[in-house]
Protein backbone atom coordinates (compact mmCIF):
# COMPACT_ATOMS: atom_id res chain seq x y z
CA MET A 1 -9.39 -42.40 91.03
CA SER A 2 -13.49 -42.20 92.12
CA ALA A 3 -15.79 -42.60 88.77
CA SER A 4 -16.94 -39.04 89.45
CA ARG A 5 -13.26 -37.66 89.03
CA ARG A 6 -12.87 -40.05 85.73
CA LYS A 7 -15.94 -38.31 84.69
CA LEU A 8 -14.74 -34.52 85.33
CA ILE A 9 -11.74 -35.21 83.11
CA ILE A 10 -14.06 -36.92 80.35
CA VAL A 11 -16.15 -34.01 80.53
CA ILE A 12 -12.95 -31.73 80.33
CA CYS A 13 -10.86 -33.83 77.27
CA VAL A 14 -14.27 -33.74 75.54
CA ALA A 15 -14.86 -30.10 75.93
CA LEU A 16 -11.20 -29.04 75.04
CA PHE A 17 -11.30 -31.27 71.62
CA ALA A 18 -14.94 -29.99 70.96
CA SER A 19 -13.45 -26.00 71.56
CA ILE A 20 -9.95 -27.15 69.45
CA VAL A 21 -12.61 -28.66 66.79
CA SER A 22 -14.90 -26.17 66.57
CA ILE A 23 -11.53 -22.90 65.83
CA CYS A 24 -9.77 -25.40 63.69
CA GLY A 25 -13.19 -25.25 61.64
CA VAL A 26 -13.46 -21.11 61.88
CA LEU A 27 -9.90 -21.23 60.51
CA LEU A 28 -10.34 -23.38 58.22
CA ALA A 29 -13.93 -21.94 56.86
CA ARG A 30 -11.25 -18.36 57.28
CA ASN A 31 -8.79 -19.51 54.89
CA ILE A 32 -11.41 -20.64 52.32
CA MET A 33 -13.22 -17.90 52.31
CA ARG A 34 -9.95 -15.94 52.31
CA ARG A 35 -8.88 -17.62 49.46
CA GLN A 36 -11.88 -17.46 47.41
CA GLU A 37 -12.04 -13.81 47.58
CA MET A 38 -8.05 -13.94 46.76
CA GLU A 39 -8.91 -16.16 43.22
CA ALA A 40 -12.32 -13.77 42.83
CA THR A 41 -10.06 -11.03 43.03
CA MET A 42 -7.52 -12.28 40.84
CA ALA A 43 -10.05 -13.62 37.81
CA GLU A 44 -11.26 -9.53 37.89
CA GLU A 45 -7.95 -8.87 37.60
CA MET A 46 -7.71 -10.73 34.52
CA ARG A 47 -11.17 -10.01 33.07
CA ILE A 48 -10.40 -6.51 33.73
CA GLU A 49 -6.58 -6.86 31.25
CA ASP A 50 -8.64 -9.18 29.31
CA ALA A 51 -10.64 -6.47 28.10
CA TYR A 52 -7.85 -4.16 27.81
CA GLU A 53 -5.44 -6.41 25.46
CA ARG A 54 -8.52 -6.57 23.04
CA LEU A 55 -9.56 -3.05 22.92
CA ASN A 56 -6.21 -1.81 22.18
CA ARG A 57 -5.09 -4.54 19.81
CA ALA A 58 -8.62 -3.88 18.15
CA PHE A 59 -7.60 0.26 17.36
CA TRP A 60 -3.66 -0.93 17.36
CA LEU A 61 -2.72 1.09 20.45
CA THR A 62 0.65 0.21 21.86
CA PRO A 63 2.90 0.73 24.72
CA SER A 64 4.82 4.00 24.58
CA PRO A 65 8.80 3.22 23.56
CA GLY A 66 10.64 1.79 26.90
CA ASP A 67 6.92 0.15 28.41
CA THR A 68 6.31 -3.56 28.80
CA ASP A 69 3.78 -5.42 26.73
CA ARG A 70 2.23 -5.91 30.21
CA THR A 71 1.24 -1.73 29.35
CA ARG A 72 -0.75 -3.04 26.38
CA ARG A 73 -3.26 -4.94 29.54
CA GLY A 74 -3.94 -1.46 30.60
CA TYR A 75 -5.42 2.08 29.73
CA ILE A 76 -3.67 3.57 26.85
CA PRO A 77 -5.34 6.99 25.71
CA TYR A 78 -5.26 8.38 21.95
CA ARG A 79 -2.36 10.38 21.60
CA ASP A 80 -2.52 13.64 20.01
CA ILE A 81 -1.77 13.50 16.31
CA SER A 82 0.71 16.61 15.33
CA PRO A 83 -0.15 18.84 12.66
CA GLU A 84 2.96 17.96 10.89
CA GLU A 85 2.57 14.11 11.36
CA ASN A 86 -1.60 15.35 10.23
CA ARG A 87 -2.91 18.69 9.70
CA PHE A 88 -6.53 17.62 10.23
CA GLY A 89 -5.57 15.72 13.10
CA ILE A 90 -6.34 12.20 12.56
CA SER A 91 -4.46 8.91 13.38
CA SER A 92 -4.72 7.70 9.43
CA LEU A 93 -4.00 4.22 10.48
CA ARG A 94 -7.10 4.05 12.43
CA TYR A 95 -9.36 6.17 10.57
CA ARG A 96 -8.92 3.96 7.90
CA LEU A 97 -9.76 0.73 9.91
CA LEU A 98 -13.12 2.51 11.19
CA ARG A 99 -13.48 2.87 6.98
CA MET A 100 -12.83 -0.32 6.48
CA TYR A 101 -15.70 -1.07 9.07
CA TYR A 102 -17.98 0.04 7.17
CA HIS A 103 -17.04 -0.81 3.95
CA ARG A 104 -17.79 -4.73 5.23
CA THR A 105 -20.62 -4.36 7.73
CA GLY A 106 -22.81 -1.48 7.07
CA ILE A 107 -22.31 -0.02 10.40
CA THR A 108 -20.62 3.80 11.07
CA LEU A 109 -18.50 4.14 13.48
CA ALA A 110 -17.30 8.01 13.74
CA TYR A 111 -14.38 8.60 14.19
CA GLU A 112 -15.01 11.57 16.88
CA THR A 113 -16.68 8.86 18.92
CA VAL A 114 -13.51 6.72 19.13
CA VAL A 115 -12.05 9.97 20.25
CA GLU A 116 -13.65 10.46 23.30
CA TYR A 117 -14.23 6.67 24.22
CA PHE A 118 -10.62 6.72 24.93
CA SER A 119 -10.64 10.44 26.92
CA GLN A 120 -11.04 8.34 29.53
CA GLU A 121 -10.18 5.72 31.89
CA PHE A 122 -12.64 6.18 34.34
CA GLU A 123 -16.72 6.18 33.42
CA PRO A 124 -18.40 9.37 35.05
CA ASP A 125 -19.81 6.88 38.21
CA GLY A 126 -15.73 6.27 38.90
CA SER A 127 -15.55 2.60 37.30
CA LEU A 128 -13.68 1.79 34.93
CA ARG A 129 -14.65 2.75 31.45
CA LEU A 130 -14.38 -1.07 29.69
CA TYR A 131 -15.50 -1.59 26.51
CA ASN A 132 -17.50 -4.20 27.36
CA ASN A 133 -19.17 -3.09 30.23
CA GLY A 134 -22.27 -2.24 28.08
CA LYS A 135 -22.31 1.66 28.26
CA HIS A 136 -20.75 1.71 25.09
CA PRO A 137 -22.35 -0.95 22.83
CA GLU A 138 -20.60 1.00 19.17
CA ILE A 139 -16.88 -0.04 20.71
CA GLU A 140 -17.58 -2.59 22.23
CA ALA A 141 -19.04 -4.14 18.48
CA PHE A 142 -16.16 -3.30 16.13
CA VAL A 143 -13.85 -4.98 18.75
CA ILE A 144 -15.61 -8.46 18.54
CA TRP A 145 -16.18 -7.31 14.96
CA ILE A 146 -11.79 -6.95 14.64
CA HIS A 147 -11.59 -9.71 16.32
CA GLU A 148 -13.84 -12.56 14.82
CA ILE A 149 -12.21 -11.26 10.71
CA GLY A 150 -8.53 -12.07 12.56
CA ASN A 151 -5.08 -9.58 11.60
CA SER A 152 -4.58 -10.89 8.12
CA GLU A 153 -7.99 -9.87 6.53
CA VAL A 154 -7.09 -5.75 8.32
CA ARG A 155 -3.64 -6.09 7.07
CA ALA A 156 -4.91 -7.43 3.59
CA PHE A 157 -6.99 -4.39 3.43
CA LEU A 158 -4.18 -1.76 4.53
CA ASP A 159 -1.81 -3.45 2.16
CA ASN A 160 -5.21 -2.66 -0.47
CA ILE A 161 -5.55 0.71 0.38
CA ARG A 162 -1.49 1.07 0.03
CA ASP A 163 -1.53 -0.32 -3.40
CA ILE A 164 -4.00 1.76 -4.93
CA TYR A 165 -2.67 4.82 -3.21
CA GLY A 166 1.01 3.54 -5.05
CA ASN A 167 -0.67 3.66 -8.09
CA TYR A 168 -3.11 6.52 -8.14
CA VAL A 169 0.43 8.42 -7.60
CA SER A 170 2.73 6.64 -10.00
CA THR A 171 -0.44 7.46 -12.99
CA HIS A 172 -1.19 11.18 -11.86
CA ARG A 173 1.86 12.55 -10.71
CA ASP A 174 1.68 14.38 -14.59
CA ALA A 175 -1.44 15.46 -13.62
CA GLY A 176 -0.20 17.40 -10.79
CA PHE A 177 -1.02 15.21 -8.00
CA VAL A 178 1.37 15.83 -4.99
CA ARG A 179 2.47 12.90 -3.27
CA LYS A 180 2.33 12.69 0.29
CA SER A 181 2.80 9.79 2.98
CA LEU A 182 -0.74 8.05 3.77
CA THR A 183 -0.53 9.14 7.32
CA ALA A 184 -1.19 12.60 6.56
CA LEU A 185 -3.91 12.33 3.96
CA SER A 186 -7.36 14.31 4.64
CA PRO A 187 -10.42 12.10 5.94
CA GLN A 188 -11.44 12.97 2.05
CA MET A 189 -8.19 10.73 0.53
CA LEU A 190 -9.06 8.78 3.04
CA ASP A 191 -12.77 7.66 2.64
CA ALA A 192 -12.19 7.98 -1.18
CA LEU A 193 -9.19 5.23 -1.01
CA ALA A 194 -11.66 3.13 1.10
CA ARG A 195 -14.50 3.43 -1.60
CA ALA A 196 -12.42 2.10 -3.54
CA GLU A 197 -10.46 -1.13 -2.26
CA ALA A 198 -14.48 -1.59 -1.24
CA ASP A 199 -15.74 -1.04 -5.34
CA PRO A 200 -13.61 -2.07 -8.56
CA ASP A 201 -15.78 0.46 -10.95
CA TYR A 202 -15.35 3.72 -8.47
CA VAL A 203 -13.64 6.56 -10.48
CA LEU A 204 -10.80 7.67 -7.80
CA ASP A 205 -10.42 11.52 -7.59
CA LEU A 206 -7.32 12.40 -5.14
CA THR A 207 -6.46 15.14 -7.41
CA SER A 208 -9.36 17.56 -6.84
CA LEU A 209 -9.58 16.59 -3.45
CA GLN A 210 -6.20 17.87 -3.42
CA GLN A 211 -7.17 20.67 -5.16
CA GLN A 212 -10.19 21.45 -2.95
CA GLY A 213 -8.08 22.14 0.10
CA TYR A 214 -8.24 18.52 1.18
């Protein structure tokens, strides 16, 4: 084989090797980019799921019967409260949570503000309505607070309210107070109960509220 032919073969082999290396490099770069995109997508999905789960747990929103617990990691709207459950149209449980928030922190988060927040899954710009997207600082502050204090303190508050109400019913039945379930009480009565829980010297008068139509 002549020297020129050997050189030509070497040049061709080098060119082929360089092409193969280049193609492998491109494929590797694409795979790395694709993997990074998948990891970023998964991280974003986890961030969204975590935000929904923290929000829904903070407001004690649970999936509908038959749904899996994974539903808690998505959008759960406030359900309408029927007149049979509460003629004032409020969720007594969540109203009590907001009263606890006020008496523990001095910060008012209106029930109507919460209902409005949960009324839409998306923001006007089409993005997901997440409590920590910077557009709802009052909701974000509540979620952070309630997770910081822990479930045991929340349950203790709810138990205190139940006990205060039960004691009031037992001592004022003869005075004309008509017992109703906690879920059926008016905002005014729940306000009074929360105040009594926060201030032992507060004189609770649910009878007068009931006589006024509350």
